[in-house]
Each structure stands twice: as structure tokens, then as C-alpha cells.
Amino acid sequence: MAAGSRAPAAQPAPPIPDEELVARVLAGDQASFSLLVERYQDRLVSFLFRMLRDVDTAHDLAQEVFLRVYQALDRFDPQFKFSTWTFRVAHNLGVDELRRRKVRWVPLQRQDAEDETPWERELPSSEPSPYQDLRNEQRGSAIQVAIDALPGDYRELIVMRHYAELSYEEIAQLKRMPLGTVKNKLFRGRQLLKEKLAAYLGD
């Protein structure tokens, strides 16, 4: 090595795949399940909160999700993604909770053209001014109100895609819908959001 030259910086190790962590847990490494909990806890709580609008219940149900997943881990089919399986458990628990509250989800079947364009507007990366902070807070509140006002089927898919960060394929597996139907419903849900938020996002 030439004098004064530096060795290349070590690259961080890639994250351990979910399926490998599952295999480690089944082999007796309980600490690996803690890694899975850390990986998915925030996303599960966010997903359940936006289904139920109750932060305490979201946290409680997220813990129930991990308990059920752990108890059934030996039945996990590695041909499916761990995230899909975990969010299916969360979805089922959330729906059960909504039924107990007698909240009715109304499915709509209308389909429109496929669109991969995300509905969010990009915010400036520069430091916001106090006015921009206020406007961003107002927009965030308006987005949440608009999501809550969506028909149940659209609301659920928007939450899965943009808060749980599930892929189209994962949503299709979880909801047992054709992939094209998922994309069409998400497109329509985004269009409804844009219509509701035009006053906020159009300036």
C-alpha cells in the first residue's frame, strides 16, 4: 500500500433477512426474535393506530401480534414474506377490534386506470421557516382527516402502502386480492385524497 493511502472504510453489514432470523429463533436463539420486534414494532403500531385511531389500543394490539406470531412461528411458511404474515395477523386483530366497536368497513369495487405515482407531495429539504412549519402541520392534519374520511377499503389500502410500507405484492397477498385490483384501488384512493386536499396541496 502506498504511503499515506488509506484503507477503504469497512461497509456496514447488510441486515439479516427476516427468514434467517426466524430460523435462528426456531433453533433456540431467542434474541433473534427481539430483532424482529425492533424491526417491525413502529410500523405495526402506526398501522394499527391508523386503523383504530387509539394509540393505547394500537400498542396493546402490536404486543398481541408479536405474541401470536411467536407462538405460531413453527408454522411460518418461508415461501411467504415474514412481513406479510405479521401484518396479516395485525390486520385481523384490527378488524376484530373494529367489529367489537361496531365500526363498519364499506368495500367499493370501482376500478380506474393503473398508476404507480405516489400521492404524497415532496416537501422542501431546506430548513423550514416558522410559517412553513405551521403549514406543514396543517397539511399533515388535513391529510390525516382526509384519510379518515375515505371509504374503508381505500383507507385500509392507503394505510398499508404508505404507513405500514408494504409493497403492492404484500398487500395483494394480505388482502387476497389480484395485484391489479390493489393498484387500481390505491390509484382511486389517492385520487380521492388529492380531491379532498386540493386546497392544501395545490399552493
N, C-alpha and C. Protein backbone atom coordinates (compact mmCIF):
# COMPACT_ATOMS: atom_id res chain seq x y z
N MET A 1 0.85 -1.19 0.00
CA MET A 1 0.00 0.00 0.00
C MET A 1 0.89 1.24 0.00
N ALA A 2 0.58 2.21 -0.82
CA ALA A 2 1.40 3.41 -0.93
C ALA A 2 1.32 4.19 0.36
N ALA A 3 2.43 4.87 0.68
CA ALA A 3 2.49 5.66 1.91
C ALA A 3 1.42 6.74 1.87
N GLY A 4 0.76 6.93 2.97
CA GLY A 4 -0.24 7.98 3.06
C GLY A 4 -1.61 7.56 2.57
N SER A 5 -1.71 6.41 1.87
CA SER A 5 -3.02 5.98 1.39
C SER A 5 -3.80 5.36 2.54
N ARG A 6 -5.08 5.42 2.43
CA ARG A 6 -5.95 4.91 3.47
C ARG A 6 -6.68 3.66 3.00
N ALA A 7 -6.83 2.75 3.92
CA ALA A 7 -7.62 1.56 3.59
C ALA A 7 -9.08 1.96 3.42
N PRO A 8 -9.78 1.34 2.49
CA PRO A 8 -11.20 1.68 2.30
C PRO A 8 -11.99 1.41 3.57
N ALA A 9 -12.94 2.30 3.83
CA ALA A 9 -13.78 2.15 5.03
C ALA A 9 -14.60 0.88 4.93
N ALA A 10 -14.71 0.21 6.06
CA ALA A 10 -15.50 -1.03 6.09
C ALA A 10 -16.97 -0.70 5.87
N GLN A 11 -17.60 -1.49 5.01
CA GLN A 11 -19.01 -1.30 4.73
C GLN A 11 -19.84 -1.96 5.84
N PRO A 12 -20.94 -1.30 6.26
CA PRO A 12 -21.79 -1.93 7.29
C PRO A 12 -22.37 -3.25 6.78
N ALA A 13 -22.48 -4.18 7.69
CA ALA A 13 -23.04 -5.49 7.32
C ALA A 13 -24.50 -5.32 6.94
N PRO A 14 -24.94 -6.00 5.88
CA PRO A 14 -26.35 -5.92 5.50
C PRO A 14 -27.23 -6.50 6.59
N PRO A 15 -28.47 -6.02 6.71
CA PRO A 15 -29.36 -6.55 7.74
C PRO A 15 -29.65 -8.04 7.50
N ILE A 16 -29.81 -8.75 8.57
CA ILE A 16 -30.11 -10.17 8.48
C ILE A 16 -31.54 -10.34 7.96
N PRO A 17 -31.75 -11.13 6.93
CA PRO A 17 -33.11 -11.31 6.40
C PRO A 17 -34.06 -11.84 7.47
N ASP A 18 -35.32 -11.46 7.36
CA ASP A 18 -36.33 -11.91 8.32
C ASP A 18 -36.35 -13.43 8.43
N GLU A 19 -36.31 -14.09 7.28
CA GLU A 19 -36.44 -15.54 7.28
C GLU A 19 -35.28 -16.22 8.01
N GLU A 20 -34.10 -15.62 7.93
CA GLU A 20 -32.96 -16.18 8.66
C GLU A 20 -33.13 -15.96 10.16
N LEU A 21 -33.67 -14.80 10.55
CA LEU A 21 -33.93 -14.57 11.97
C LEU A 21 -34.97 -15.55 12.50
N VAL A 22 -35.98 -15.83 11.70
CA VAL A 22 -36.99 -16.82 12.10
C VAL A 22 -36.33 -18.18 12.33
N ALA A 23 -35.46 -18.57 11.39
CA ALA A 23 -34.78 -19.86 11.52
C ALA A 23 -33.93 -19.90 12.79
N ARG A 24 -33.29 -18.78 13.12
CA ARG A 24 -32.47 -18.73 14.33
C ARG A 24 -33.33 -18.87 15.59
N VAL A 25 -34.50 -18.22 15.57
CA VAL A 25 -35.39 -18.35 16.73
C VAL A 25 -35.82 -19.80 16.90
N LEU A 26 -36.20 -20.44 15.81
CA LEU A 26 -36.64 -21.83 15.88
C LEU A 26 -35.53 -22.76 16.32
N ALA A 27 -34.28 -22.32 16.09
CA ALA A 27 -33.13 -23.12 16.52
C ALA A 27 -32.74 -22.83 17.97
N GLY A 28 -33.48 -21.93 18.63
CA GLY A 28 -33.23 -21.67 20.04
C GLY A 28 -32.64 -20.32 20.36
N ASP A 29 -32.39 -19.48 19.36
CA ASP A 29 -31.81 -18.17 19.59
C ASP A 29 -32.93 -17.16 19.83
N GLN A 30 -33.36 -16.99 21.07
CA GLN A 30 -34.48 -16.12 21.39
C GLN A 30 -34.17 -14.65 21.11
N ALA A 31 -32.91 -14.28 21.18
CA ALA A 31 -32.54 -12.87 20.94
C ALA A 31 -32.90 -12.44 19.52
N SER A 32 -32.93 -13.37 18.59
CA SER A 32 -33.25 -13.02 17.20
C SER A 32 -34.69 -12.54 17.07
N PHE A 33 -35.57 -13.04 17.95
CA PHE A 33 -36.95 -12.56 17.88
C PHE A 33 -37.02 -11.10 18.33
N SER A 34 -36.16 -10.71 19.26
CA SER A 34 -36.12 -9.31 19.66
C SER A 34 -35.75 -8.41 18.49
N LEU A 35 -34.88 -8.90 17.62
CA LEU A 35 -34.53 -8.12 16.42
C LEU A 35 -35.74 -7.95 15.51
N LEU A 36 -36.55 -8.99 15.38
CA LEU A 36 -37.76 -8.89 14.57
C LEU A 36 -38.74 -7.90 15.19
N VAL A 37 -38.86 -7.93 16.51
CA VAL A 37 -39.74 -6.98 17.19
C VAL A 37 -39.27 -5.56 16.94
N GLU A 38 -37.97 -5.30 17.10
CA GLU A 38 -37.43 -3.96 16.85
C GLU A 38 -37.66 -3.53 15.41
N ARG A 39 -37.58 -4.46 14.49
CA ARG A 39 -37.70 -4.15 13.06
C ARG A 39 -39.11 -3.73 12.69
N TYR A 40 -40.11 -4.31 13.34
CA TYR A 40 -41.49 -4.11 12.89
C TYR A 40 -42.39 -3.38 13.90
N GLN A 41 -41.92 -3.15 15.10
CA GLN A 41 -42.81 -2.60 16.12
C GLN A 41 -43.40 -1.25 15.74
N ASP A 42 -42.56 -0.31 15.33
CA ASP A 42 -43.06 1.02 14.99
C ASP A 42 -44.04 0.98 13.84
N ARG A 43 -43.73 0.19 12.82
CA ARG A 43 -44.63 0.09 11.66
C ARG A 43 -45.96 -0.53 12.05
N LEU A 44 -45.93 -1.54 12.92
CA LEU A 44 -47.18 -2.17 13.36
C LEU A 44 -48.03 -1.20 14.18
N VAL A 45 -47.39 -0.48 15.09
CA VAL A 45 -48.14 0.48 15.90
C VAL A 45 -48.75 1.55 15.01
N SER A 46 -47.99 2.06 14.05
CA SER A 46 -48.50 3.07 13.14
C SER A 46 -49.67 2.53 12.33
N PHE A 47 -49.53 1.32 11.83
CA PHE A 47 -50.58 0.68 11.04
C PHE A 47 -51.85 0.52 11.88
N LEU A 48 -51.72 0.00 13.08
CA LEU A 48 -52.89 -0.25 13.93
C LEU A 48 -53.51 1.06 14.41
N PHE A 49 -52.67 2.05 14.69
CA PHE A 49 -53.21 3.34 15.13
C PHE A 49 -54.10 3.95 14.06
N ARG A 50 -53.66 3.85 12.80
CA ARG A 50 -54.43 4.46 11.73
C ARG A 50 -55.66 3.64 11.36
N MET A 51 -55.70 2.40 11.78
CA MET A 51 -56.93 1.62 11.66
C MET A 51 -57.91 1.99 12.78
N LEU A 52 -57.38 2.16 14.00
CA LEU A 52 -58.23 2.22 15.18
C LEU A 52 -58.36 3.62 15.78
N ARG A 53 -57.40 4.53 15.46
CA ARG A 53 -57.39 5.90 15.99
C ARG A 53 -57.30 5.90 17.51
N ASP A 54 -56.58 4.94 18.08
CA ASP A 54 -56.40 4.85 19.53
C ASP A 54 -54.99 4.34 19.78
N VAL A 55 -54.13 5.22 20.31
CA VAL A 55 -52.72 4.87 20.42
C VAL A 55 -52.49 3.77 21.45
N ASP A 56 -53.23 3.79 22.56
CA ASP A 56 -53.05 2.75 23.57
C ASP A 56 -53.45 1.38 23.04
N THR A 57 -54.58 1.33 22.33
CA THR A 57 -55.01 0.06 21.76
C THR A 57 -54.04 -0.41 20.69
N ALA A 58 -53.49 0.53 19.92
CA ALA A 58 -52.51 0.17 18.89
C ALA A 58 -51.29 -0.49 19.52
N HIS A 59 -50.79 0.07 20.60
CA HIS A 59 -49.64 -0.51 21.29
C HIS A 59 -49.99 -1.88 21.87
N ASP A 60 -51.17 -1.99 22.47
CA ASP A 60 -51.57 -3.27 23.06
C ASP A 60 -51.71 -4.35 22.00
N LEU A 61 -52.33 -4.00 20.89
CA LEU A 61 -52.53 -4.99 19.83
C LEU A 61 -51.21 -5.35 19.15
N ALA A 62 -50.29 -4.40 19.05
CA ALA A 62 -48.98 -4.72 18.48
C ALA A 62 -48.28 -5.78 19.32
N GLN A 63 -48.38 -5.66 20.64
CA GLN A 63 -47.80 -6.68 21.51
C GLN A 63 -48.50 -8.02 21.33
N GLU A 64 -49.81 -7.98 21.14
CA GLU A 64 -50.56 -9.21 20.89
C GLU A 64 -50.14 -9.84 19.56
N VAL A 65 -49.87 -9.01 18.57
CA VAL A 65 -49.39 -9.52 17.28
C VAL A 65 -48.10 -10.31 17.47
N PHE A 66 -47.14 -9.72 18.18
CA PHE A 66 -45.86 -10.40 18.37
C PHE A 66 -46.03 -11.68 19.19
N LEU A 67 -46.91 -11.66 20.15
CA LEU A 67 -47.16 -12.88 20.93
C LEU A 67 -47.71 -13.99 20.05
N ARG A 68 -48.69 -13.65 19.21
CA ARG A 68 -49.29 -14.67 18.34
C ARG A 68 -48.29 -15.16 17.30
N VAL A 69 -47.51 -14.23 16.76
CA VAL A 69 -46.50 -14.62 15.78
C VAL A 69 -45.49 -15.57 16.42
N TYR A 70 -45.05 -15.23 17.61
CA TYR A 70 -44.05 -16.07 18.29
C TYR A 70 -44.62 -17.47 18.57
N GLN A 71 -45.86 -17.51 19.02
CA GLN A 71 -46.46 -18.80 19.36
C GLN A 71 -46.68 -19.68 18.12
N ALA A 72 -46.83 -19.04 16.95
CA ALA A 72 -47.09 -19.80 15.73
C ALA A 72 -45.88 -19.86 14.82
N LEU A 73 -44.71 -19.48 15.33
CA LEU A 73 -43.54 -19.34 14.47
C LEU A 73 -43.15 -20.65 13.79
N ASP A 74 -43.41 -21.76 14.45
CA ASP A 74 -43.04 -23.05 13.85
C ASP A 74 -43.93 -23.40 12.67
N ARG A 75 -45.01 -22.64 12.49
CA ARG A 75 -45.90 -22.87 11.35
C ARG A 75 -45.67 -21.85 10.23
N PHE A 76 -44.68 -20.99 10.39
CA PHE A 76 -44.39 -19.98 9.37
C PHE A 76 -43.89 -20.67 8.10
N ASP A 77 -44.48 -20.29 6.98
CA ASP A 77 -44.10 -20.85 5.68
C ASP A 77 -43.09 -19.91 5.03
N PRO A 78 -41.83 -20.30 4.92
CA PRO A 78 -40.80 -19.39 4.41
C PRO A 78 -40.96 -19.00 2.95
N GLN A 79 -41.90 -19.63 2.23
CA GLN A 79 -42.12 -19.19 0.85
C GLN A 79 -42.87 -17.85 0.81
N PHE A 80 -43.43 -17.44 1.93
CA PHE A 80 -44.08 -16.14 2.04
C PHE A 80 -43.19 -15.21 2.86
N LYS A 81 -43.40 -13.90 2.71
CA LYS A 81 -42.60 -12.94 3.45
C LYS A 81 -43.09 -12.84 4.89
N PHE A 82 -42.14 -12.75 5.79
CA PHE A 82 -42.47 -12.62 7.21
C PHE A 82 -43.31 -11.37 7.45
N SER A 83 -42.97 -10.28 6.77
CA SER A 83 -43.71 -9.03 6.96
C SER A 83 -45.17 -9.18 6.58
N THR A 84 -45.44 -9.88 5.47
CA THR A 84 -46.82 -10.09 5.03
C THR A 84 -47.60 -10.86 6.08
N TRP A 85 -46.98 -11.93 6.58
CA TRP A 85 -47.63 -12.76 7.60
C TRP A 85 -47.91 -11.95 8.86
N THR A 86 -46.94 -11.16 9.30
CA THR A 86 -47.09 -10.37 10.52
C THR A 86 -48.19 -9.32 10.37
N PHE A 87 -48.22 -8.64 9.24
CA PHE A 87 -49.25 -7.62 9.05
C PHE A 87 -50.62 -8.25 8.82
N ARG A 88 -50.66 -9.48 8.33
CA ARG A 88 -51.96 -10.16 8.23
C ARG A 88 -52.51 -10.42 9.63
N VAL A 89 -51.65 -10.84 10.57
CA VAL A 89 -52.09 -11.01 11.95
C VAL A 89 -52.58 -9.69 12.51
N ALA A 90 -51.82 -8.60 12.28
CA ALA A 90 -52.21 -7.27 12.76
C ALA A 90 -53.52 -6.83 12.14
N HIS A 91 -53.67 -7.05 10.86
CA HIS A 91 -54.90 -6.67 10.17
C HIS A 91 -56.10 -7.40 10.76
N ASN A 92 -55.95 -8.69 10.98
CA ASN A 92 -57.06 -9.47 11.53
C ASN A 92 -57.44 -9.00 12.93
N LEU A 93 -56.43 -8.72 13.75
CA LEU A 93 -56.71 -8.22 15.10
C LEU A 93 -57.37 -6.84 15.04
N GLY A 94 -56.91 -5.99 14.13
CA GLY A 94 -57.51 -4.68 13.98
C GLY A 94 -58.96 -4.76 13.54
N VAL A 95 -59.25 -5.62 12.59
CA VAL A 95 -60.62 -5.80 12.11
C VAL A 95 -61.50 -6.33 13.23
N ASP A 96 -60.99 -7.29 14.00
CA ASP A 96 -61.76 -7.81 15.14
C ASP A 96 -62.10 -6.71 16.13
N GLU A 97 -61.12 -5.83 16.39
CA GLU A 97 -61.36 -4.72 17.31
C GLU A 97 -62.41 -3.77 16.75
N LEU A 98 -62.35 -3.49 15.46
CA LEU A 98 -63.34 -2.61 14.85
C LEU A 98 -64.73 -3.23 14.90
N ARG A 99 -64.80 -4.54 14.71
CA ARG A 99 -66.10 -5.20 14.80
C ARG A 99 -66.67 -5.10 16.20
N ARG A 100 -65.78 -5.21 17.19
CA ARG A 100 -66.25 -5.07 18.57
C ARG A 100 -66.80 -3.67 18.82
N ARG A 101 -66.23 -2.71 18.12
CA ARG A 101 -66.73 -1.34 18.25
C ARG A 101 -67.92 -1.08 17.32
N LYS A 102 -68.27 -2.07 16.54
CA LYS A 102 -69.37 -1.96 15.57
C LYS A 102 -69.09 -0.88 14.55
N VAL A 103 -67.81 -0.74 14.16
CA VAL A 103 -67.44 0.15 13.08
C VAL A 103 -67.49 -0.64 11.79
N ARG A 104 -68.17 -0.15 10.81
CA ARG A 104 -68.40 -0.90 9.58
C ARG A 104 -67.47 -0.43 8.49
N TRP A 105 -66.74 -1.39 7.87
CA TRP A 105 -65.89 -1.10 6.71
C TRP A 105 -66.72 -1.33 5.46
N VAL A 106 -66.79 -0.33 4.58
CA VAL A 106 -67.62 -0.42 3.39
C VAL A 106 -66.74 -0.60 2.17
N PRO A 107 -66.71 -1.81 1.55
CA PRO A 107 -65.87 -2.01 0.36
C PRO A 107 -66.52 -1.42 -0.88
N LEU A 108 -65.73 -0.80 -1.72
CA LEU A 108 -66.17 -0.30 -3.00
C LEU A 108 -65.39 -1.02 -4.09
N GLN A 109 -66.02 -1.31 -5.19
CA GLN A 109 -65.42 -2.13 -6.23
C GLN A 109 -64.98 -1.35 -7.45
N ARG A 110 -65.20 -0.03 -7.47
CA ARG A 110 -64.86 0.75 -8.65
C ARG A 110 -63.35 0.69 -8.90
N GLN A 111 -62.98 0.52 -10.16
CA GLN A 111 -61.58 0.46 -10.55
C GLN A 111 -61.28 1.51 -11.61
N ASP A 112 -60.08 2.05 -11.54
CA ASP A 112 -59.64 3.03 -12.52
C ASP A 112 -58.32 2.59 -13.11
N ALA A 113 -57.76 3.45 -13.94
CA ALA A 113 -56.50 3.11 -14.59
C ALA A 113 -55.39 2.94 -13.58
N GLU A 114 -54.46 2.08 -13.89
CA GLU A 114 -53.32 1.82 -13.01
C GLU A 114 -52.37 3.00 -13.02
N ASP A 115 -51.87 3.31 -11.82
CA ASP A 115 -50.92 4.42 -11.70
C ASP A 115 -49.96 4.10 -10.58
N GLU A 116 -48.68 4.22 -10.83
CA GLU A 116 -47.67 3.94 -9.83
C GLU A 116 -47.22 5.20 -9.11
N THR A 117 -47.79 6.37 -9.46
CA THR A 117 -47.29 7.61 -8.90
C THR A 117 -47.75 7.78 -7.47
N PRO A 118 -46.83 7.94 -6.50
CA PRO A 118 -47.25 8.13 -5.11
C PRO A 118 -48.00 9.42 -4.93
N TRP A 119 -48.93 9.44 -3.95
CA TRP A 119 -49.78 10.61 -3.81
C TRP A 119 -49.13 11.71 -3.00
N GLU A 120 -48.07 11.41 -2.28
CA GLU A 120 -47.50 12.44 -1.43
C GLU A 120 -46.79 13.51 -2.26
N ARG A 121 -46.86 14.77 -1.78
CA ARG A 121 -46.05 15.83 -2.34
C ARG A 121 -44.71 15.84 -1.63
N GLU A 122 -43.64 16.06 -2.37
CA GLU A 122 -42.33 16.19 -1.76
C GLU A 122 -42.23 17.55 -1.07
N LEU A 123 -41.78 17.58 0.16
CA LEU A 123 -41.58 18.83 0.88
C LEU A 123 -40.14 19.31 0.67
N PRO A 124 -39.89 20.62 0.73
CA PRO A 124 -38.53 21.12 0.54
C PRO A 124 -37.59 20.53 1.57
N SER A 125 -36.35 20.29 1.15
CA SER A 125 -35.37 19.71 2.05
C SER A 125 -34.67 20.78 2.89
N SER A 126 -34.80 22.06 2.53
CA SER A 126 -34.16 23.13 3.29
C SER A 126 -34.89 23.32 4.61
N GLU A 127 -34.22 23.97 5.55
CA GLU A 127 -34.80 24.21 6.87
C GLU A 127 -36.06 25.04 6.74
N PRO A 128 -37.21 24.56 7.26
CA PRO A 128 -38.46 25.31 7.09
C PRO A 128 -38.52 26.53 8.00
N SER A 129 -39.23 27.53 7.53
CA SER A 129 -39.48 28.71 8.36
C SER A 129 -40.62 28.39 9.33
N PRO A 130 -40.85 29.25 10.34
CA PRO A 130 -41.98 29.02 11.24
C PRO A 130 -43.30 28.92 10.48
N TYR A 131 -43.47 29.77 9.45
CA TYR A 131 -44.70 29.70 8.65
C TYR A 131 -44.81 28.34 7.96
N GLN A 132 -43.68 27.88 7.40
CA GLN A 132 -43.70 26.58 6.73
C GLN A 132 -43.98 25.46 7.71
N ASP A 133 -43.43 25.58 8.94
CA ASP A 133 -43.73 24.59 9.97
C ASP A 133 -45.24 24.52 10.22
N LEU A 134 -45.85 25.69 10.34
CA LEU A 134 -47.29 25.72 10.58
C LEU A 134 -48.06 25.13 9.42
N ARG A 135 -47.67 25.51 8.20
CA ARG A 135 -48.36 24.99 7.02
C ARG A 135 -48.18 23.48 6.92
N ASN A 136 -46.97 23.00 7.22
CA ASN A 136 -46.74 21.56 7.16
C ASN A 136 -47.58 20.82 8.19
N GLU A 137 -47.68 21.42 9.39
CA GLU A 137 -48.51 20.80 10.42
C GLU A 137 -49.97 20.78 9.99
N GLN A 138 -50.42 21.88 9.37
CA GLN A 138 -51.80 21.92 8.89
C GLN A 138 -52.03 20.90 7.80
N ARG A 139 -51.04 20.76 6.91
CA ARG A 139 -51.17 19.77 5.84
C ARG A 139 -51.21 18.36 6.41
N GLY A 140 -50.32 18.10 7.39
CA GLY A 140 -50.32 16.78 7.99
C GLY A 140 -51.66 16.46 8.63
N SER A 141 -52.24 17.43 9.33
CA SER A 141 -53.55 17.23 9.94
C SER A 141 -54.62 17.02 8.87
N ALA A 142 -54.54 17.81 7.80
CA ALA A 142 -55.53 17.68 6.73
C ALA A 142 -55.43 16.32 6.05
N ILE A 143 -54.21 15.83 5.85
CA ILE A 143 -54.02 14.52 5.24
C ILE A 143 -54.65 13.44 6.11
N GLN A 144 -54.41 13.53 7.44
CA GLN A 144 -54.96 12.52 8.32
C GLN A 144 -56.49 12.56 8.33
N VAL A 145 -57.06 13.78 8.37
CA VAL A 145 -58.51 13.90 8.33
C VAL A 145 -59.06 13.32 7.03
N ALA A 146 -58.38 13.61 5.91
CA ALA A 146 -58.83 13.11 4.62
C ALA A 146 -58.74 11.59 4.54
N ILE A 147 -57.67 11.01 5.09
CA ILE A 147 -57.54 9.56 5.11
C ILE A 147 -58.67 8.94 5.93
N ASP A 148 -58.95 9.54 7.10
CA ASP A 148 -60.02 9.02 7.95
C ASP A 148 -61.38 9.07 7.25
N ALA A 149 -61.54 10.04 6.34
CA ALA A 149 -62.82 10.22 5.67
C ALA A 149 -62.98 9.33 4.44
N LEU A 150 -61.92 8.64 4.04
CA LEU A 150 -62.02 7.76 2.88
C LEU A 150 -62.93 6.57 3.17
N PRO A 151 -63.58 6.00 2.14
CA PRO A 151 -64.27 4.73 2.33
C PRO A 151 -63.30 3.69 2.89
N GLY A 152 -63.80 2.80 3.73
CA GLY A 152 -62.94 1.90 4.49
C GLY A 152 -61.95 1.12 3.68
N ASP A 153 -62.35 0.59 2.54
CA ASP A 153 -61.46 -0.24 1.75
C ASP A 153 -60.27 0.57 1.22
N TYR A 154 -60.54 1.78 0.77
CA TYR A 154 -59.47 2.65 0.28
C TYR A 154 -58.56 3.08 1.42
N ARG A 155 -59.18 3.45 2.55
CA ARG A 155 -58.40 3.89 3.70
C ARG A 155 -57.42 2.80 4.14
N GLU A 156 -57.91 1.59 4.20
CA GLU A 156 -57.07 0.48 4.65
C GLU A 156 -55.88 0.28 3.72
N LEU A 157 -56.09 0.34 2.42
CA LEU A 157 -55.01 0.13 1.46
C LEU A 157 -54.00 1.27 1.52
N ILE A 158 -54.49 2.51 1.67
CA ILE A 158 -53.58 3.65 1.80
C ILE A 158 -52.69 3.49 3.03
N VAL A 159 -53.28 3.07 4.14
CA VAL A 159 -52.52 2.87 5.36
C VAL A 159 -51.48 1.77 5.18
N MET A 160 -51.87 0.67 4.54
CA MET A 160 -50.94 -0.43 4.32
C MET A 160 -49.76 0.00 3.46
N ARG A 161 -50.04 0.78 2.44
CA ARG A 161 -48.98 1.16 1.49
C ARG A 161 -48.08 2.25 2.05
N HIS A 162 -48.68 3.29 2.65
CA HIS A 162 -47.91 4.49 2.96
C HIS A 162 -47.51 4.60 4.42
N TYR A 163 -48.11 3.82 5.30
CA TYR A 163 -47.72 3.85 6.71
C TYR A 163 -47.08 2.54 7.14
N ALA A 164 -47.68 1.41 6.75
CA ALA A 164 -47.03 0.12 7.04
C ALA A 164 -45.91 -0.16 6.05
N GLU A 165 -45.86 0.58 4.93
CA GLU A 165 -44.80 0.47 3.93
C GLU A 165 -44.76 -0.92 3.28
N LEU A 166 -45.93 -1.50 3.10
CA LEU A 166 -45.99 -2.79 2.42
C LEU A 166 -45.94 -2.58 0.91
N SER A 167 -45.37 -3.53 0.22
CA SER A 167 -45.33 -3.48 -1.24
C SER A 167 -46.70 -3.83 -1.81
N TYR A 168 -46.88 -3.55 -3.10
CA TYR A 168 -48.13 -3.92 -3.75
C TYR A 168 -48.35 -5.43 -3.63
N GLU A 169 -47.29 -6.20 -3.83
CA GLU A 169 -47.40 -7.64 -3.78
C GLU A 169 -47.79 -8.12 -2.38
N GLU A 170 -47.20 -7.50 -1.35
CA GLU A 170 -47.54 -7.88 0.02
C GLU A 170 -49.00 -7.56 0.33
N ILE A 171 -49.46 -6.40 -0.12
CA ILE A 171 -50.86 -6.04 0.11
C ILE A 171 -51.79 -7.02 -0.60
N ALA A 172 -51.44 -7.39 -1.82
CA ALA A 172 -52.26 -8.34 -2.57
C ALA A 172 -52.34 -9.67 -1.83
N GLN A 173 -51.21 -10.14 -1.29
CA GLN A 173 -51.23 -11.38 -0.53
C GLN A 173 -52.05 -11.24 0.74
N LEU A 174 -51.85 -10.13 1.45
CA LEU A 174 -52.55 -9.93 2.72
C LEU A 174 -54.06 -9.84 2.52
N LYS A 175 -54.47 -9.09 1.51
CA LYS A 175 -55.89 -8.88 1.26
C LYS A 175 -56.51 -9.96 0.38
N ARG A 176 -55.64 -10.85 -0.15
CA ARG A 176 -56.09 -11.90 -1.08
C ARG A 176 -56.86 -11.29 -2.25
N MET A 177 -56.23 -10.27 -2.83
CA MET A 177 -56.77 -9.57 -4.00
C MET A 177 -55.81 -9.74 -5.16
N PRO A 178 -56.31 -9.69 -6.39
CA PRO A 178 -55.40 -9.62 -7.54
C PRO A 178 -54.54 -8.36 -7.45
N LEU A 179 -53.30 -8.47 -7.92
CA LEU A 179 -52.38 -7.34 -7.85
C LEU A 179 -52.95 -6.13 -8.57
N GLY A 180 -53.56 -6.33 -9.72
CA GLY A 180 -54.13 -5.21 -10.47
C GLY A 180 -55.24 -4.51 -9.70
N THR A 181 -56.03 -5.26 -8.94
CA THR A 181 -57.09 -4.65 -8.14
C THR A 181 -56.51 -3.78 -7.05
N VAL A 182 -55.44 -4.26 -6.41
CA VAL A 182 -54.78 -3.46 -5.37
C VAL A 182 -54.28 -2.14 -5.96
N LYS A 183 -53.61 -2.20 -7.10
CA LYS A 183 -53.07 -0.99 -7.72
C LYS A 183 -54.19 -0.03 -8.12
N ASN A 184 -55.27 -0.58 -8.67
CA ASN A 184 -56.39 0.26 -9.10
C ASN A 184 -57.05 0.94 -7.91
N LYS A 185 -57.24 0.19 -6.83
CA LYS A 185 -57.87 0.77 -5.65
C LYS A 185 -56.98 1.83 -5.01
N LEU A 186 -55.68 1.58 -4.99
CA LEU A 186 -54.76 2.58 -4.46
C LEU A 186 -54.78 3.84 -5.32
N PHE A 187 -54.83 3.66 -6.62
CA PHE A 187 -54.90 4.80 -7.52
C PHE A 187 -56.15 5.63 -7.22
N ARG A 188 -57.29 4.95 -7.08
CA ARG A 188 -58.54 5.65 -6.81
C ARG A 188 -58.50 6.32 -5.44
N GLY A 189 -57.93 5.64 -4.44
CA GLY A 189 -57.81 6.24 -3.12
C GLY A 189 -56.97 7.49 -3.13
N ARG A 190 -55.86 7.47 -3.89
CA ARG A 190 -55.00 8.65 -4.00
C ARG A 190 -55.73 9.79 -4.69
N GLN A 191 -56.52 9.46 -5.71
CA GLN A 191 -57.28 10.49 -6.41
C GLN A 191 -58.28 11.15 -5.46
N LEU A 192 -58.95 10.35 -4.64
CA LEU A 192 -59.89 10.91 -3.67
C LEU A 192 -59.17 11.81 -2.68
N LEU A 193 -57.99 11.41 -2.25
CA LEU A 193 -57.21 12.24 -1.34
C LEU A 193 -56.82 13.56 -1.99
N LYS A 194 -56.38 13.50 -3.24
CA LYS A 194 -56.00 14.72 -3.95
C LYS A 194 -57.17 15.68 -4.05
N GLU A 195 -58.36 15.14 -4.31
CA GLU A 195 -59.54 15.99 -4.41
C GLU A 195 -59.84 16.66 -3.08
N LYS A 196 -59.72 15.89 -1.98
CA LYS A 196 -60.02 16.44 -0.67
C LYS A 196 -58.96 17.45 -0.22
N LEU A 197 -57.73 17.27 -0.69
CA LEU A 197 -56.62 18.08 -0.22
C LEU A 197 -56.21 19.17 -1.21
N ALA A 198 -56.99 19.38 -2.24
CA ALA A 198 -56.61 20.33 -3.29
C ALA A 198 -56.31 21.72 -2.71
N ALA A 199 -57.06 22.14 -1.74
CA ALA A 199 -56.86 23.48 -1.16
C ALA A 199 -55.52 23.58 -0.43
N TYR A 200 -55.02 22.44 0.08
CA TYR A 200 -53.77 22.46 0.83
C TYR A 200 -52.56 22.15 -0.04
N LEU A 201 -52.71 21.22 -0.96
CA LEU A 201 -51.57 20.76 -1.74
C LEU A 201 -51.42 21.48 -3.07
N GLY A 202 -52.36 22.34 -3.40
CA GLY A 202 -52.28 22.99 -4.69
C GLY A 202 -51.55 24.31 -4.66
N ASP A 203 -51.14 24.76 -3.45
CA ASP A 203 -50.47 26.07 -3.41
C ASP A 203 -48.97 25.90 -3.47
